Amino acid sequence: MPPTVRSVRPLMHPMLNTAVKAARKAGSIINRASLDVDLVKVANKGRSDFVTEVDRAAEQAIVDILLKAYPDHAILAEESGASGDSEYTWIIDPLDGTTNFIHGFPQYAVSIALRHREHVTQAVVYDPTRNELFTATRGRGAFMNERRIRVSRRTKLSECLIGTGFPFRSFEHLDEYVRMFRSITEHTAGIRRPGAAALDLAYVAAGRLDGFWEIGLSPWDMAAGSLLILEAGGLVSDFKGEPAYLSEGRIVCGAPKIFPQLLSLVGNVHPARSG
């Protein structure tokens, strides 16, 4: 038999390399804190919306590394907000899945993306509990550690495992979401809600989930994961089928054959609206 041919990773883009360094530093802070998670100080930003000293320390470590390398770049981070004025913006979630983290539930990640003007060009999602590093550079494919990843090859929605996130901060759209949940449950093999959107999107890119949808996300939840999916051969949009998910906060994505089927179900509950 011929030898198995594996995708050889091209040299990592310098900006991606810096983002990886920052993500691993944040991951080491998170892993250290996870050993005594009961001692971590937790504060409420809002209803069911928590921030810890670990979020803040991880974010500061990320920002320090990025700005040391690229002092003229702008920052958009979950805890510290927006700063700087540049055509390059780093979009950062230092600990996506904080609620999981403070409960010792090992499903959370560091998410770092670089947006150049209107396009996300670099992406890192790092799972420190499993040491799984998901990376992508625009036009160069997506990888987990050093292995090329691709979205799943499934074609029938009825065979698919779909990820989502339940509304937990605001219940304004809960009825709409429940209708989507019912419809998608009836048409798929199963739905999973692990609780860290950035990691869910990385799982779509790696073919572990066949698709994903959610309402009420922030840019730092989606930016890195969306590029991973696109570079892994998948499709991403808002609920109208447009590429405005980072501003809309509503995302649907999946493998090429699954995406339109999932979008159709979401669209039937959420008809396209003007404006």
Protein backbone atom coordinates (compact mmCIF):
# COMPACT_ATOMS: atom_id res chain seq x y z
CA MET A 1 0.00 0.00 0.00
CA PRO A 2 1.23 3.54 -0.71
CA PRO A 3 2.24 5.59 2.31
CA THR A 4 -0.37 7.88 3.85
CA VAL A 5 0.09 11.45 2.64
CA ARG A 6 -0.37 14.05 5.37
CA SER A 7 -0.85 17.74 4.82
CA VAL A 8 2.40 19.52 5.57
CA ARG A 9 1.84 22.78 7.33
CA PRO A 10 3.31 25.81 5.53
CA LEU A 11 5.45 28.22 7.51
CA MET A 12 3.29 30.08 10.01
CA HIS A 13 2.56 33.73 9.22
CA PRO A 14 4.49 36.04 11.60
CA MET A 15 1.28 37.65 12.88
CA LEU A 16 -0.26 34.24 13.50
CA ASN A 17 2.90 33.15 15.27
CA THR A 18 2.59 36.12 17.63
CA ALA A 19 -1.08 35.30 18.28
CA VAL A 20 -0.17 31.69 19.07
CA LYS A 21 2.46 32.87 21.54
CA ALA A 22 -0.14 35.09 23.22
CA ALA A 23 -2.76 32.33 23.32
CA ARG A 24 -0.36 29.85 24.89
CA LYS A 25 0.65 32.41 27.53
CA ALA A 26 -3.01 32.99 28.37
CA GLY A 27 -3.57 29.24 28.43
CA SER A 28 -0.80 28.75 30.97
CA ILE A 29 -2.41 31.38 33.23
CA ILE A 30 -5.77 29.62 32.91
CA ASN A 31 -4.33 26.16 33.55
CA ARG A 32 -2.52 27.33 36.67
CA ALA A 33 -5.69 28.89 38.04
CA SER A 34 -7.76 25.80 37.21
CA LEU A 35 -5.76 23.80 39.78
CA ASP A 36 -7.42 25.85 42.55
CA VAL A 37 -10.50 27.15 40.82
CA ASP A 38 -12.38 27.56 44.13
CA LEU A 39 -9.89 30.29 45.07
CA VAL A 40 -10.50 32.34 41.91
CA LYS A 41 -12.24 35.68 42.52
CA VAL A 42 -15.45 35.99 40.51
CA ALA A 43 -17.49 39.11 39.77
CA ASN A 44 -20.80 39.63 37.97
CA LYS A 45 -20.91 41.77 34.83
CA GLY A 46 -24.62 41.10 34.54
CA ARG A 47 -27.19 38.35 34.86
CA SER A 48 -25.41 35.00 34.37
CA ASP A 49 -22.43 36.91 32.96
CA PHE A 50 -19.27 36.38 34.98
CA VAL A 51 -15.72 37.70 34.88
CA THR A 52 -12.80 36.41 36.92
CA GLU A 53 -9.36 37.67 37.79
CA VAL A 54 -8.17 34.95 35.41
CA ASP A 55 -10.04 36.51 32.46
CA ARG A 56 -8.39 39.85 33.20
CA ALA A 57 -4.90 38.43 33.73
CA ALA A 58 -5.10 36.32 30.56
CA GLU A 59 -6.37 39.27 28.53
CA GLN A 60 -3.60 41.53 29.79
CA ALA A 61 -0.97 38.93 28.90
CA ILE A 62 -2.42 38.64 25.38
CA VAL A 63 -2.59 42.40 24.84
CA ASP A 64 0.96 42.91 26.15
CA ILE A 65 2.39 40.34 23.71
CA LEU A 66 0.40 41.62 20.73
CA LEU A 67 1.16 45.30 21.30
CA LYS A 68 4.82 44.64 21.96
CA ALA A 69 5.02 43.11 18.49
CA TYR A 70 2.54 45.47 16.82
CA PRO A 71 2.28 48.69 18.86
CA ASP A 72 0.25 50.52 16.22
CA HIS A 73 -2.53 47.91 16.05
CA ALA A 74 -5.98 48.39 17.62
CA ILE A 75 -7.52 46.11 20.22
CA LEU A 76 -11.10 44.90 20.68
CA ALA A 77 -11.21 42.71 23.79
CA GLU A 78 -14.06 41.34 25.86
CA GLU A 79 -12.94 42.74 29.22
CA SER A 80 -11.12 45.96 28.32
CA GLY A 81 -13.12 46.97 25.26
CA ALA A 82 -11.82 48.88 22.23
CA SER A 83 -8.60 50.88 22.06
CA GLY A 84 -6.40 52.27 19.32
CA ASP A 85 -7.15 53.32 15.76
CA SER A 86 -5.75 51.15 12.98
CA GLU A 87 -6.78 49.17 9.94
CA TYR A 88 -5.51 46.17 11.94
CA THR A 89 -7.63 45.15 14.95
CA TRP A 90 -6.96 42.23 17.29
CA ILE A 91 -10.26 40.72 18.49
CA ILE A 92 -9.75 38.89 21.78
CA ASP A 93 -11.69 36.66 24.13
CA PRO A 94 -9.21 35.65 26.82
CA LEU A 95 -11.45 32.96 28.32
CA ASP A 96 -14.49 31.96 26.32
CA GLY A 97 -16.56 29.75 28.60
CA THR A 98 -15.95 31.53 31.90
CA THR A 99 -19.01 29.94 33.52
CA ASN A 100 -17.66 26.51 32.59
CA PHE A 101 -14.25 27.45 34.00
CA ILE A 102 -15.50 28.57 37.40
CA HIS A 103 -17.45 25.31 37.74
CA GLY A 104 -14.45 23.18 36.79
CA PHE A 105 -16.20 22.07 33.61
CA PRO A 106 -13.31 21.60 31.14
CA GLN A 107 -14.77 23.27 28.06
CA TYR A 108 -13.33 26.73 27.48
CA ALA A 109 -10.81 28.37 25.21
CA VAL A 110 -8.71 31.39 24.34
CA SER A 111 -9.78 33.11 21.12
CA ILE A 112 -7.65 35.62 19.19
CA ALA A 113 -8.33 36.96 15.70
CA LEU A 114 -6.79 39.70 13.58
CA ARG A 115 -9.10 41.74 11.37
CA HIS A 116 -7.50 43.74 8.55
CA ARG A 117 -10.04 46.31 7.43
CA GLU A 118 -13.17 44.22 6.76
CA HIS A 119 -11.61 40.75 6.72
CA VAL A 120 -10.44 38.43 9.47
CA THR A 121 -7.00 37.30 8.32
CA GLN A 122 -5.53 35.39 11.30
CA ALA A 123 -7.23 33.12 13.84
CA VAL A 124 -6.27 31.19 16.94
CA VAL A 125 -8.54 29.18 19.22
CA TYR A 126 -6.62 27.42 21.98
CA ASP A 127 -8.09 24.81 24.31
CA PRO A 128 -5.68 24.76 27.27
CA THR A 129 -7.26 21.72 28.94
CA ARG A 130 -6.56 19.47 25.92
CA ASN A 131 -3.62 21.44 24.50
CA GLU A 132 -5.46 21.67 21.17
CA LEU A 133 -4.40 24.65 19.08
CA PHE A 134 -6.67 25.60 16.17
CA THR A 135 -5.14 28.11 13.75
CA ALA A 136 -5.83 29.65 10.36
CA THR A 137 -4.41 32.29 8.06
CA ARG A 138 -6.66 33.64 5.31
CA GLY A 139 -5.99 31.70 2.13
CA ARG A 140 -3.70 29.11 3.78
CA GLY A 141 -6.07 26.56 5.30
CA ALA A 142 -6.96 25.63 8.87
CA PHE A 143 -5.01 23.42 11.27
CA MET A 144 -5.31 21.72 14.64
CA ASN A 145 -1.83 21.58 16.10
CA GLU A 146 0.13 20.60 12.96
CA ARG A 147 -2.64 18.67 11.20
CA ARG A 148 -4.77 20.13 8.41
CA ILE A 149 -8.46 20.11 9.33
CA ARG A 150 -11.57 20.16 7.17
CA VAL A 151 -15.28 20.38 7.82
CA SER A 152 -17.29 17.17 7.75
CA ARG A 153 -18.38 15.48 4.53
CA ARG A 154 -21.91 14.71 5.63
CA THR A 155 -24.66 15.65 3.23
CA LYS A 156 -27.86 14.73 5.09
CA LEU A 157 -28.96 16.96 7.95
CA SER A 158 -30.73 13.99 9.52
CA GLU A 159 -27.30 12.41 10.19
CA CYS A 160 -25.73 15.55 11.63
CA LEU A 161 -24.60 16.65 15.07
CA ILE A 162 -25.25 20.39 15.45
CA GLY A 163 -23.87 22.76 18.05
CA THR A 164 -25.61 25.75 19.61
CA GLY A 165 -25.65 28.02 22.62
CA PHE A 166 -28.71 28.72 24.76
CA PRO A 167 -29.61 32.33 25.62
CA PHE A 168 -28.38 33.01 29.14
CA ARG A 169 -27.91 36.79 29.55
CA SER A 170 -31.02 38.12 27.84
CA PHE A 171 -34.25 36.22 27.21
CA GLU A 172 -35.59 38.71 24.67
CA HIS A 173 -35.29 36.17 21.86
CA LEU A 174 -35.93 33.02 23.91
CA ASP A 175 -39.23 32.12 22.22
CA GLU A 176 -37.64 32.52 18.79
CA TYR A 177 -34.70 30.37 19.88
CA VAL A 178 -36.93 27.63 21.30
CA ARG A 179 -38.75 27.41 17.95
CA MET A 180 -35.39 27.04 16.18
CA PHE A 181 -34.28 24.44 18.71
CA ARG A 182 -37.44 22.39 18.15
CA SER A 183 -37.17 22.55 14.37
CA ILE A 184 -33.48 21.64 14.26
CA THR A 185 -33.95 18.88 16.85
CA GLU A 186 -36.62 17.32 14.62
CA HIS A 187 -34.32 17.35 11.58
CA THR A 188 -30.95 16.24 13.00
CA ALA A 189 -29.23 13.39 14.82
CA GLY A 190 -28.57 15.55 17.86
CA ILE A 191 -27.77 18.97 19.32
CA ARG A 192 -24.91 19.81 21.67
CA ARG A 193 -24.47 22.88 23.89
CA PRO A 194 -20.99 22.74 25.50
CA GLY A 195 -20.94 26.43 26.45
CA ALA A 196 -17.97 28.00 24.63
CA ALA A 197 -18.88 29.32 21.19
CA ALA A 198 -15.31 29.86 19.99
CA LEU A 199 -14.52 26.21 20.67
CA ASP A 200 -17.80 25.08 19.10
CA LEU A 201 -16.85 26.89 15.90
CA ALA A 202 -13.40 25.28 15.97
CA TYR A 203 -15.15 21.92 16.27
CA VAL A 204 -17.18 22.69 13.14
CA ALA A 205 -13.91 23.44 11.33
CA ALA A 206 -12.46 20.13 12.54
CA GLY A 207 -15.55 18.13 11.52
CA ARG A 208 -16.49 17.23 15.11
CA LEU A 209 -19.72 19.17 14.67
CA ASP A 210 -21.45 19.36 11.30
CA GLY A 211 -22.91 22.80 11.92
CA PHE A 212 -23.66 25.46 14.51
CA TRP A 213 -26.05 28.34 15.14
CA GLU A 214 -26.49 30.87 17.92
CA ILE A 215 -28.13 34.19 18.80
CA GLY A 216 -26.60 37.05 20.79
CA LEU A 217 -22.88 36.51 20.30
CA SER A 218 -20.15 39.18 20.36
CA PRO A 219 -17.41 39.62 17.73
CA TRP A 220 -14.79 38.05 20.03
CA ASP A 221 -16.94 34.90 20.26
CA MET A 222 -17.03 34.45 16.49
CA ALA A 223 -14.10 36.14 14.74
CA ALA A 224 -11.43 33.45 15.07
CA GLY A 225 -13.82 30.52 14.74
CA SER A 226 -15.43 31.89 11.60
CA LEU A 227 -12.10 32.07 9.78
CA LEU A 228 -11.25 28.54 10.91
CA ILE A 229 -14.48 27.29 9.33
CA LEU A 230 -13.99 29.18 6.07
CA GLU A 231 -10.41 27.95 5.75
CA ALA A 232 -11.56 24.39 6.52
CA GLY A 233 -13.97 24.52 3.59
CA GLY A 234 -17.17 25.46 5.41
CA LEU A 235 -19.66 28.28 5.06
CA VAL A 236 -20.63 31.01 7.53
CA SER A 237 -23.34 33.69 7.52
CA ASP A 238 -25.84 35.57 9.61
CA PHE A 239 -29.45 34.33 9.68
CA LYS A 240 -30.18 36.15 6.41
CA GLY A 241 -27.41 34.36 4.56
CA GLU A 242 -25.27 37.51 4.58
CA PRO A 243 -21.70 37.92 5.89
CA ALA A 244 -22.73 40.36 8.66
CA TYR A 245 -22.52 37.88 11.56
CA LEU A 246 -19.82 39.79 13.46
CA SER A 247 -22.06 42.85 13.70
CA GLU A 248 -25.40 41.01 13.83
CA GLY A 249 -24.40 38.64 16.65
CA ARG A 250 -26.32 35.85 14.91
CA ILE A 251 -24.37 33.09 13.22
CA VAL A 252 -25.10 29.91 11.30
CA CYS A 253 -22.35 27.80 9.80
CA GLY A 254 -21.54 24.32 8.64
CA ALA A 255 -20.23 21.95 6.03
CA PRO A 256 -21.08 22.97 2.44
CA LYS A 257 -23.97 20.52 1.99
CA ILE A 258 -25.30 21.06 5.51
CA PHE A 259 -25.09 24.84 5.72
CA PRO A 260 -28.01 25.63 3.35
CA GLN A 261 -30.24 23.07 5.07
CA LEU A 262 -29.46 24.52 8.50
CA LEU A 263 -29.86 28.09 7.25
CA SER A 264 -33.23 27.19 5.78
CA LEU A 265 -34.49 25.91 9.15
CA VAL A 266 -33.21 29.00 10.95
CA GLY A 267 -34.68 31.24 8.24
CA ASN A 268 -38.10 29.64 8.51
CA VAL A 269 -38.22 30.69 12.15
CA HIS A 270 -36.36 33.94 11.57
CA PRO A 271 -37.56 35.31 8.19
CA ALA A 272 -35.19 37.81 6.60
CA ARG A 273 -35.93 41.34 7.75
CA SER A 274 -35.07 44.55 6.00
CA GLY A 275 -32.86 47.14 7.64
